Amino acid sequence: MRKQKEGRKLSRKKSQRSALLKTLASALILNEKIKTTEAKSKEVSKFVEKKITKAKKGDLTARRLLSQSFSPKIVKKLVDEIGPRYKERKGGYTRIIKLVPRKSDGARMAIIEFVK
């Protein structure tokens, strides 16, 4: 019974897992839509939604907190474009659309995108 820790391990160590989440989140923020496995998309969704909530404030503190995780280009897009887009929305910034399993290994695939 796993009751202590939240989140999926994704068959990786902590440093690899955090690096994976950051790169997937960066790709999602830049492209606004990515295709990945269902488990990864659910984890990225939680990660990105927390970052968007910080970006909605738009102040210097938010920019500094976001710059710990992302490059300046991504922080600028988060604070200047994506944050104001969801100013009135209280949560649920991403949508996960399930796809057919991948042919090679049968992994469940999904598309994660921002809600318009």
C-alpha atoms as a PDB file:
ATOM      1  CA  MET A   1       0.000   0.000   0.000  1.00  0.00           C
ATOM      2  CA  ARG A   2       1.652   3.186  -1.247  1.00  0.00           C
ATOM      3  CA  LYS A   3       0.338   5.974   0.939  1.00  0.00           C
ATOM      4  CA  GLN A   4       3.366   8.162   1.623  1.00  0.00           C
ATOM      5  CA  LYS A   5       4.425   9.784  -1.633  1.00  0.00           C
ATOM      6  CA  GLU A   6       2.390  11.422  -4.355  1.00  0.00           C
ATOM      7  CA  GLY A   7       3.087  11.042  -8.044  1.00  0.00           C
ATOM      8  CA  ARG A   8       4.385   8.431 -10.454  1.00  0.00           C
ATOM      9  CA  LYS A   9       7.975   7.216 -10.586  1.00  0.00           C
ATOM     10  CA  LEU A  10       7.961   6.715 -14.379  1.00  0.00           C
ATOM     11  CA  SER A  11      10.753   4.086 -14.004  1.00  0.00           C
ATOM     12  CA  ARG A  12      13.338   6.794 -13.322  1.00  0.00           C
ATOM     13  CA  LYS A  13      15.429   8.156 -10.478  1.00  0.00           C
ATOM     14  CA  LYS A  14      14.429  11.476  -8.941  1.00  0.00           C
ATOM     15  CA  SER A  15      16.891  13.607 -10.895  1.00  0.00           C
ATOM     16  CA  GLN A  16      15.972  11.966 -14.206  1.00  0.00           C
ATOM     17  CA  ARG A  17      12.274  12.262 -13.411  1.00  0.00           C
ATOM     18  CA  SER A  18      12.504  15.974 -12.622  1.00  0.00           C
ATOM     19  CA  ALA A  19      14.546  16.583 -15.775  1.00  0.00           C
ATOM     20  CA  LEU A  20      11.929  14.719 -17.828  1.00  0.00           C
ATOM     21  CA  LEU A  21       9.098  16.764 -16.323  1.00  0.00           C
ATOM     22  CA  LYS A  22      10.928  20.028 -16.999  1.00  0.00           C
ATOM     23  CA  THR A  23      11.636  19.163 -20.640  1.00  0.00           C
ATOM     24  CA  LEU A  24       8.091  17.949 -21.275  1.00  0.00           C
ATOM     25  CA  ALA A  25       6.699  21.058 -19.590  1.00  0.00           C
ATOM     26  CA  SER A  26       8.993  23.279 -21.664  1.00  0.00           C
ATOM     27  CA  ALA A  27       7.840  21.584 -24.868  1.00  0.00           C
ATOM     28  CA  LEU A  28       4.209  21.951 -23.819  1.00  0.00           C
ATOM     29  CA  ILE A  29       4.611  25.647 -23.026  1.00  0.00           C
ATOM     30  CA  LEU A  30       6.415  26.407 -26.293  1.00  0.00           C
ATOM     31  CA  ASN A  31       4.220  24.300 -28.603  1.00  0.00           C
ATOM     32  CA  GLU A  32       1.007  24.401 -26.516  1.00  0.00           C
ATOM     33  CA  LYS A  33       0.332  20.770 -27.487  1.00  0.00           C
ATOM     34  CA  ILE A  34       2.426  17.582 -27.212  1.00  0.00           C
ATOM     35  CA  LYS A  35       1.920  13.856 -27.710  1.00  0.00           C
ATOM     36  CA  THR A  36       3.309  11.545 -25.017  1.00  0.00           C
ATOM     37  CA  THR A  37       2.305   8.560 -22.906  1.00  0.00           C
ATOM     38  CA  GLU A  38      -0.751   8.822 -20.696  1.00  0.00           C
ATOM     39  CA  ALA A  39       1.186   8.497 -17.411  1.00  0.00           C
ATOM     40  CA  LYS A  40       3.698  11.198 -18.411  1.00  0.00           C
ATOM     41  CA  SER A  41       0.917  13.509 -19.554  1.00  0.00           C
ATOM     42  CA  LYS A  42      -0.870  13.214 -16.210  1.00  0.00           C
ATOM     43  CA  GLU A  43       2.313  14.061 -14.317  1.00  0.00           C
ATOM     44  CA  VAL A  44       3.180  16.953 -16.630  1.00  0.00           C
ATOM     45  CA  SER A  45      -0.344  18.298 -16.237  1.00  0.00           C
ATOM     46  CA  LYS A  46       0.048  18.593 -12.458  1.00  0.00           C
ATOM     47  CA  PHE A  47       3.505  20.158 -12.847  1.00  0.00           C
ATOM     48  CA  VAL A  48       2.467  22.724 -15.475  1.00  0.00           C
ATOM     49  CA  GLU A  49      -0.745  23.744 -13.723  1.00  0.00           C
ATOM     50  CA  LYS A  50       1.205  24.719 -10.605  1.00  0.00           C
ATOM     51  CA  LYS A  51       3.598  26.784 -12.720  1.00  0.00           C
ATOM     52  CA  ILE A  52       0.741  28.554 -14.538  1.00  0.00           C
ATOM     53  CA  THR A  53      -0.853  29.453 -11.213  1.00  0.00           C
ATOM     54  CA  LYS A  54       2.432  31.118 -10.215  1.00  0.00           C
ATOM     55  CA  ALA A  55       2.708  32.824 -13.611  1.00  0.00           C
ATOM     56  CA  LYS A  56      -0.779  34.355 -13.235  1.00  0.00           C
ATOM     57  CA  LYS A  57       0.554  36.696 -10.546  1.00  0.00           C
ATOM     58  CA  GLY A  58       3.069  38.103 -13.021  1.00  0.00           C
ATOM     59  CA  ASP A  59       5.269  39.850 -10.464  1.00  0.00           C
ATOM     60  CA  LEU A  60       9.026  39.672 -10.011  1.00  0.00           C
ATOM     61  CA  THR A  61       8.783  36.944  -7.380  1.00  0.00           C
ATOM     62  CA  ALA A  62       6.839  34.731  -9.761  1.00  0.00           C
ATOM     63  CA  ARG A  63       9.409  35.272 -12.514  1.00  0.00           C
ATOM     64  CA  ARG A  64      12.252  34.350 -10.162  1.00  0.00           C
ATOM     65  CA  LEU A  65      10.493  31.186  -8.990  1.00  0.00           C
ATOM     66  CA  LEU A  66       9.757  30.141 -12.564  1.00  0.00           C
ATOM     67  CA  SER A  67      13.313  30.868 -13.694  1.00  0.00           C
ATOM     68  CA  GLN A  68      14.538  28.129 -11.326  1.00  0.00           C
ATOM     69  CA  SER A  69      12.763  25.571 -13.507  1.00  0.00           C
ATOM     70  CA  PHE A  70      12.707  27.088 -17.001  1.00  0.00           C
ATOM     71  CA  SER A  71      14.807  29.084 -19.447  1.00  0.00           C
ATOM     72  CA  PRO A  72      14.179  32.844 -19.800  1.00  0.00           C
ATOM     73  CA  LYS A  73      12.327  32.349 -23.102  1.00  0.00           C
ATOM     74  CA  ILE A  74       9.822  29.976 -21.493  1.00  0.00           C
ATOM     75  CA  VAL A  75       9.412  32.165 -18.398  1.00  0.00           C
ATOM     76  CA  LYS A  76       8.640  35.140 -20.645  1.00  0.00           C
ATOM     77  CA  LYS A  77       5.985  33.190 -22.544  1.00  0.00           C
ATOM     78  CA  LEU A  78       4.465  31.864 -19.308  1.00  0.00           C
ATOM     79  CA  VAL A  79       4.198  35.247 -17.597  1.00  0.00           C
ATOM     80  CA  ASP A  80       3.390  37.431 -20.624  1.00  0.00           C
ATOM     81  CA  GLU A  81       1.090  35.183 -22.699  1.00  0.00           C
ATOM     82  CA  ILE A  82      -0.181  32.126 -20.840  1.00  0.00           C
ATOM     83  CA  GLY A  83      -0.657  33.691 -17.392  1.00  0.00           C
ATOM     84  CA  PRO A  84      -2.944  36.529 -18.555  1.00  0.00           C
ATOM     85  CA  ARG A  85      -4.904  34.116 -20.769  1.00  0.00           C
ATOM     86  CA  TYR A  86      -6.095  32.224 -17.667  1.00  0.00           C
ATOM     87  CA  LYS A  87      -6.471  35.224 -15.315  1.00  0.00           C
ATOM     88  CA  GLU A  88     -10.143  34.519 -14.517  1.00  0.00           C
ATOM     89  CA  ARG A  89      -9.820  30.708 -14.574  1.00  0.00           C
ATOM     90  CA  LYS A  90      -9.253  29.035 -11.198  1.00  0.00           C
ATOM     91  CA  GLY A  91      -7.630  25.841 -12.471  1.00  0.00           C
ATOM     92  CA  GLY A  92      -7.835  23.169 -15.124  1.00  0.00           C
ATOM     93  CA  TYR A  93      -5.548  24.814 -17.658  1.00  0.00           C
ATOM     94  CA  THR A  94      -4.659  21.584 -19.489  1.00  0.00           C
ATOM     95  CA  ARG A  95      -6.665  18.934 -21.322  1.00  0.00           C
ATOM     96  CA  ILE A  96      -5.606  15.307 -21.827  1.00  0.00           C
ATOM     97  CA  ILE A  97      -7.025  13.491 -24.863  1.00  0.00           C
ATOM     98  CA  LYS A  98      -6.449   9.738 -24.885  1.00  0.00           C
ATOM     99  CA  LEU A  99      -5.294   8.087 -28.111  1.00  0.00           C
ATOM    100  CA  VAL A 100      -4.916   4.514 -29.347  1.00  0.00           C
ATOM    101  CA  PRO A 101      -1.996   2.520 -27.865  1.00  0.00           C
ATOM    102  CA  ARG A 102       1.410   2.777 -29.500  1.00  0.00           C
ATOM    103  CA  LYS A 103       2.057  -0.068 -31.968  1.00  0.00           C
ATOM    104  CA  SER A 104       5.611  -0.895 -30.924  1.00  0.00           C
ATOM    105  CA  ASP A 105       5.108  -1.531 -27.211  1.00  0.00           C
ATOM    106  CA  GLY A 106       1.397  -0.996 -26.588  1.00  0.00           C
ATOM    107  CA  ALA A 107       1.896   2.022 -24.319  1.00  0.00           C
ATOM    108  CA  ARG A 108      -1.215   4.145 -23.846  1.00  0.00           C
ATOM    109  CA  MET A 109      -0.712   7.443 -25.639  1.00  0.00           C
ATOM    110  CA  ALA A 110      -2.292  10.846 -25.059  1.00  0.00           C
ATOM    111  CA  ILE A 111      -2.213  14.408 -26.299  1.00  0.00           C
ATOM    112  CA  ILE A 112      -1.888  17.120 -23.667  1.00  0.00           C
ATOM    113  CA  GLU A 113      -2.808  20.679 -24.624  1.00  0.00           C
ATOM    114  CA  PHE A 114      -3.881  23.961 -23.095  1.00  0.00           C
ATOM    115  CA  VAL A 115      -7.575  24.703 -22.779  1.00  0.00           C
ATOM    116  CA  LYS A 116      -8.614  27.633 -24.974  1.00  0.00           C
END
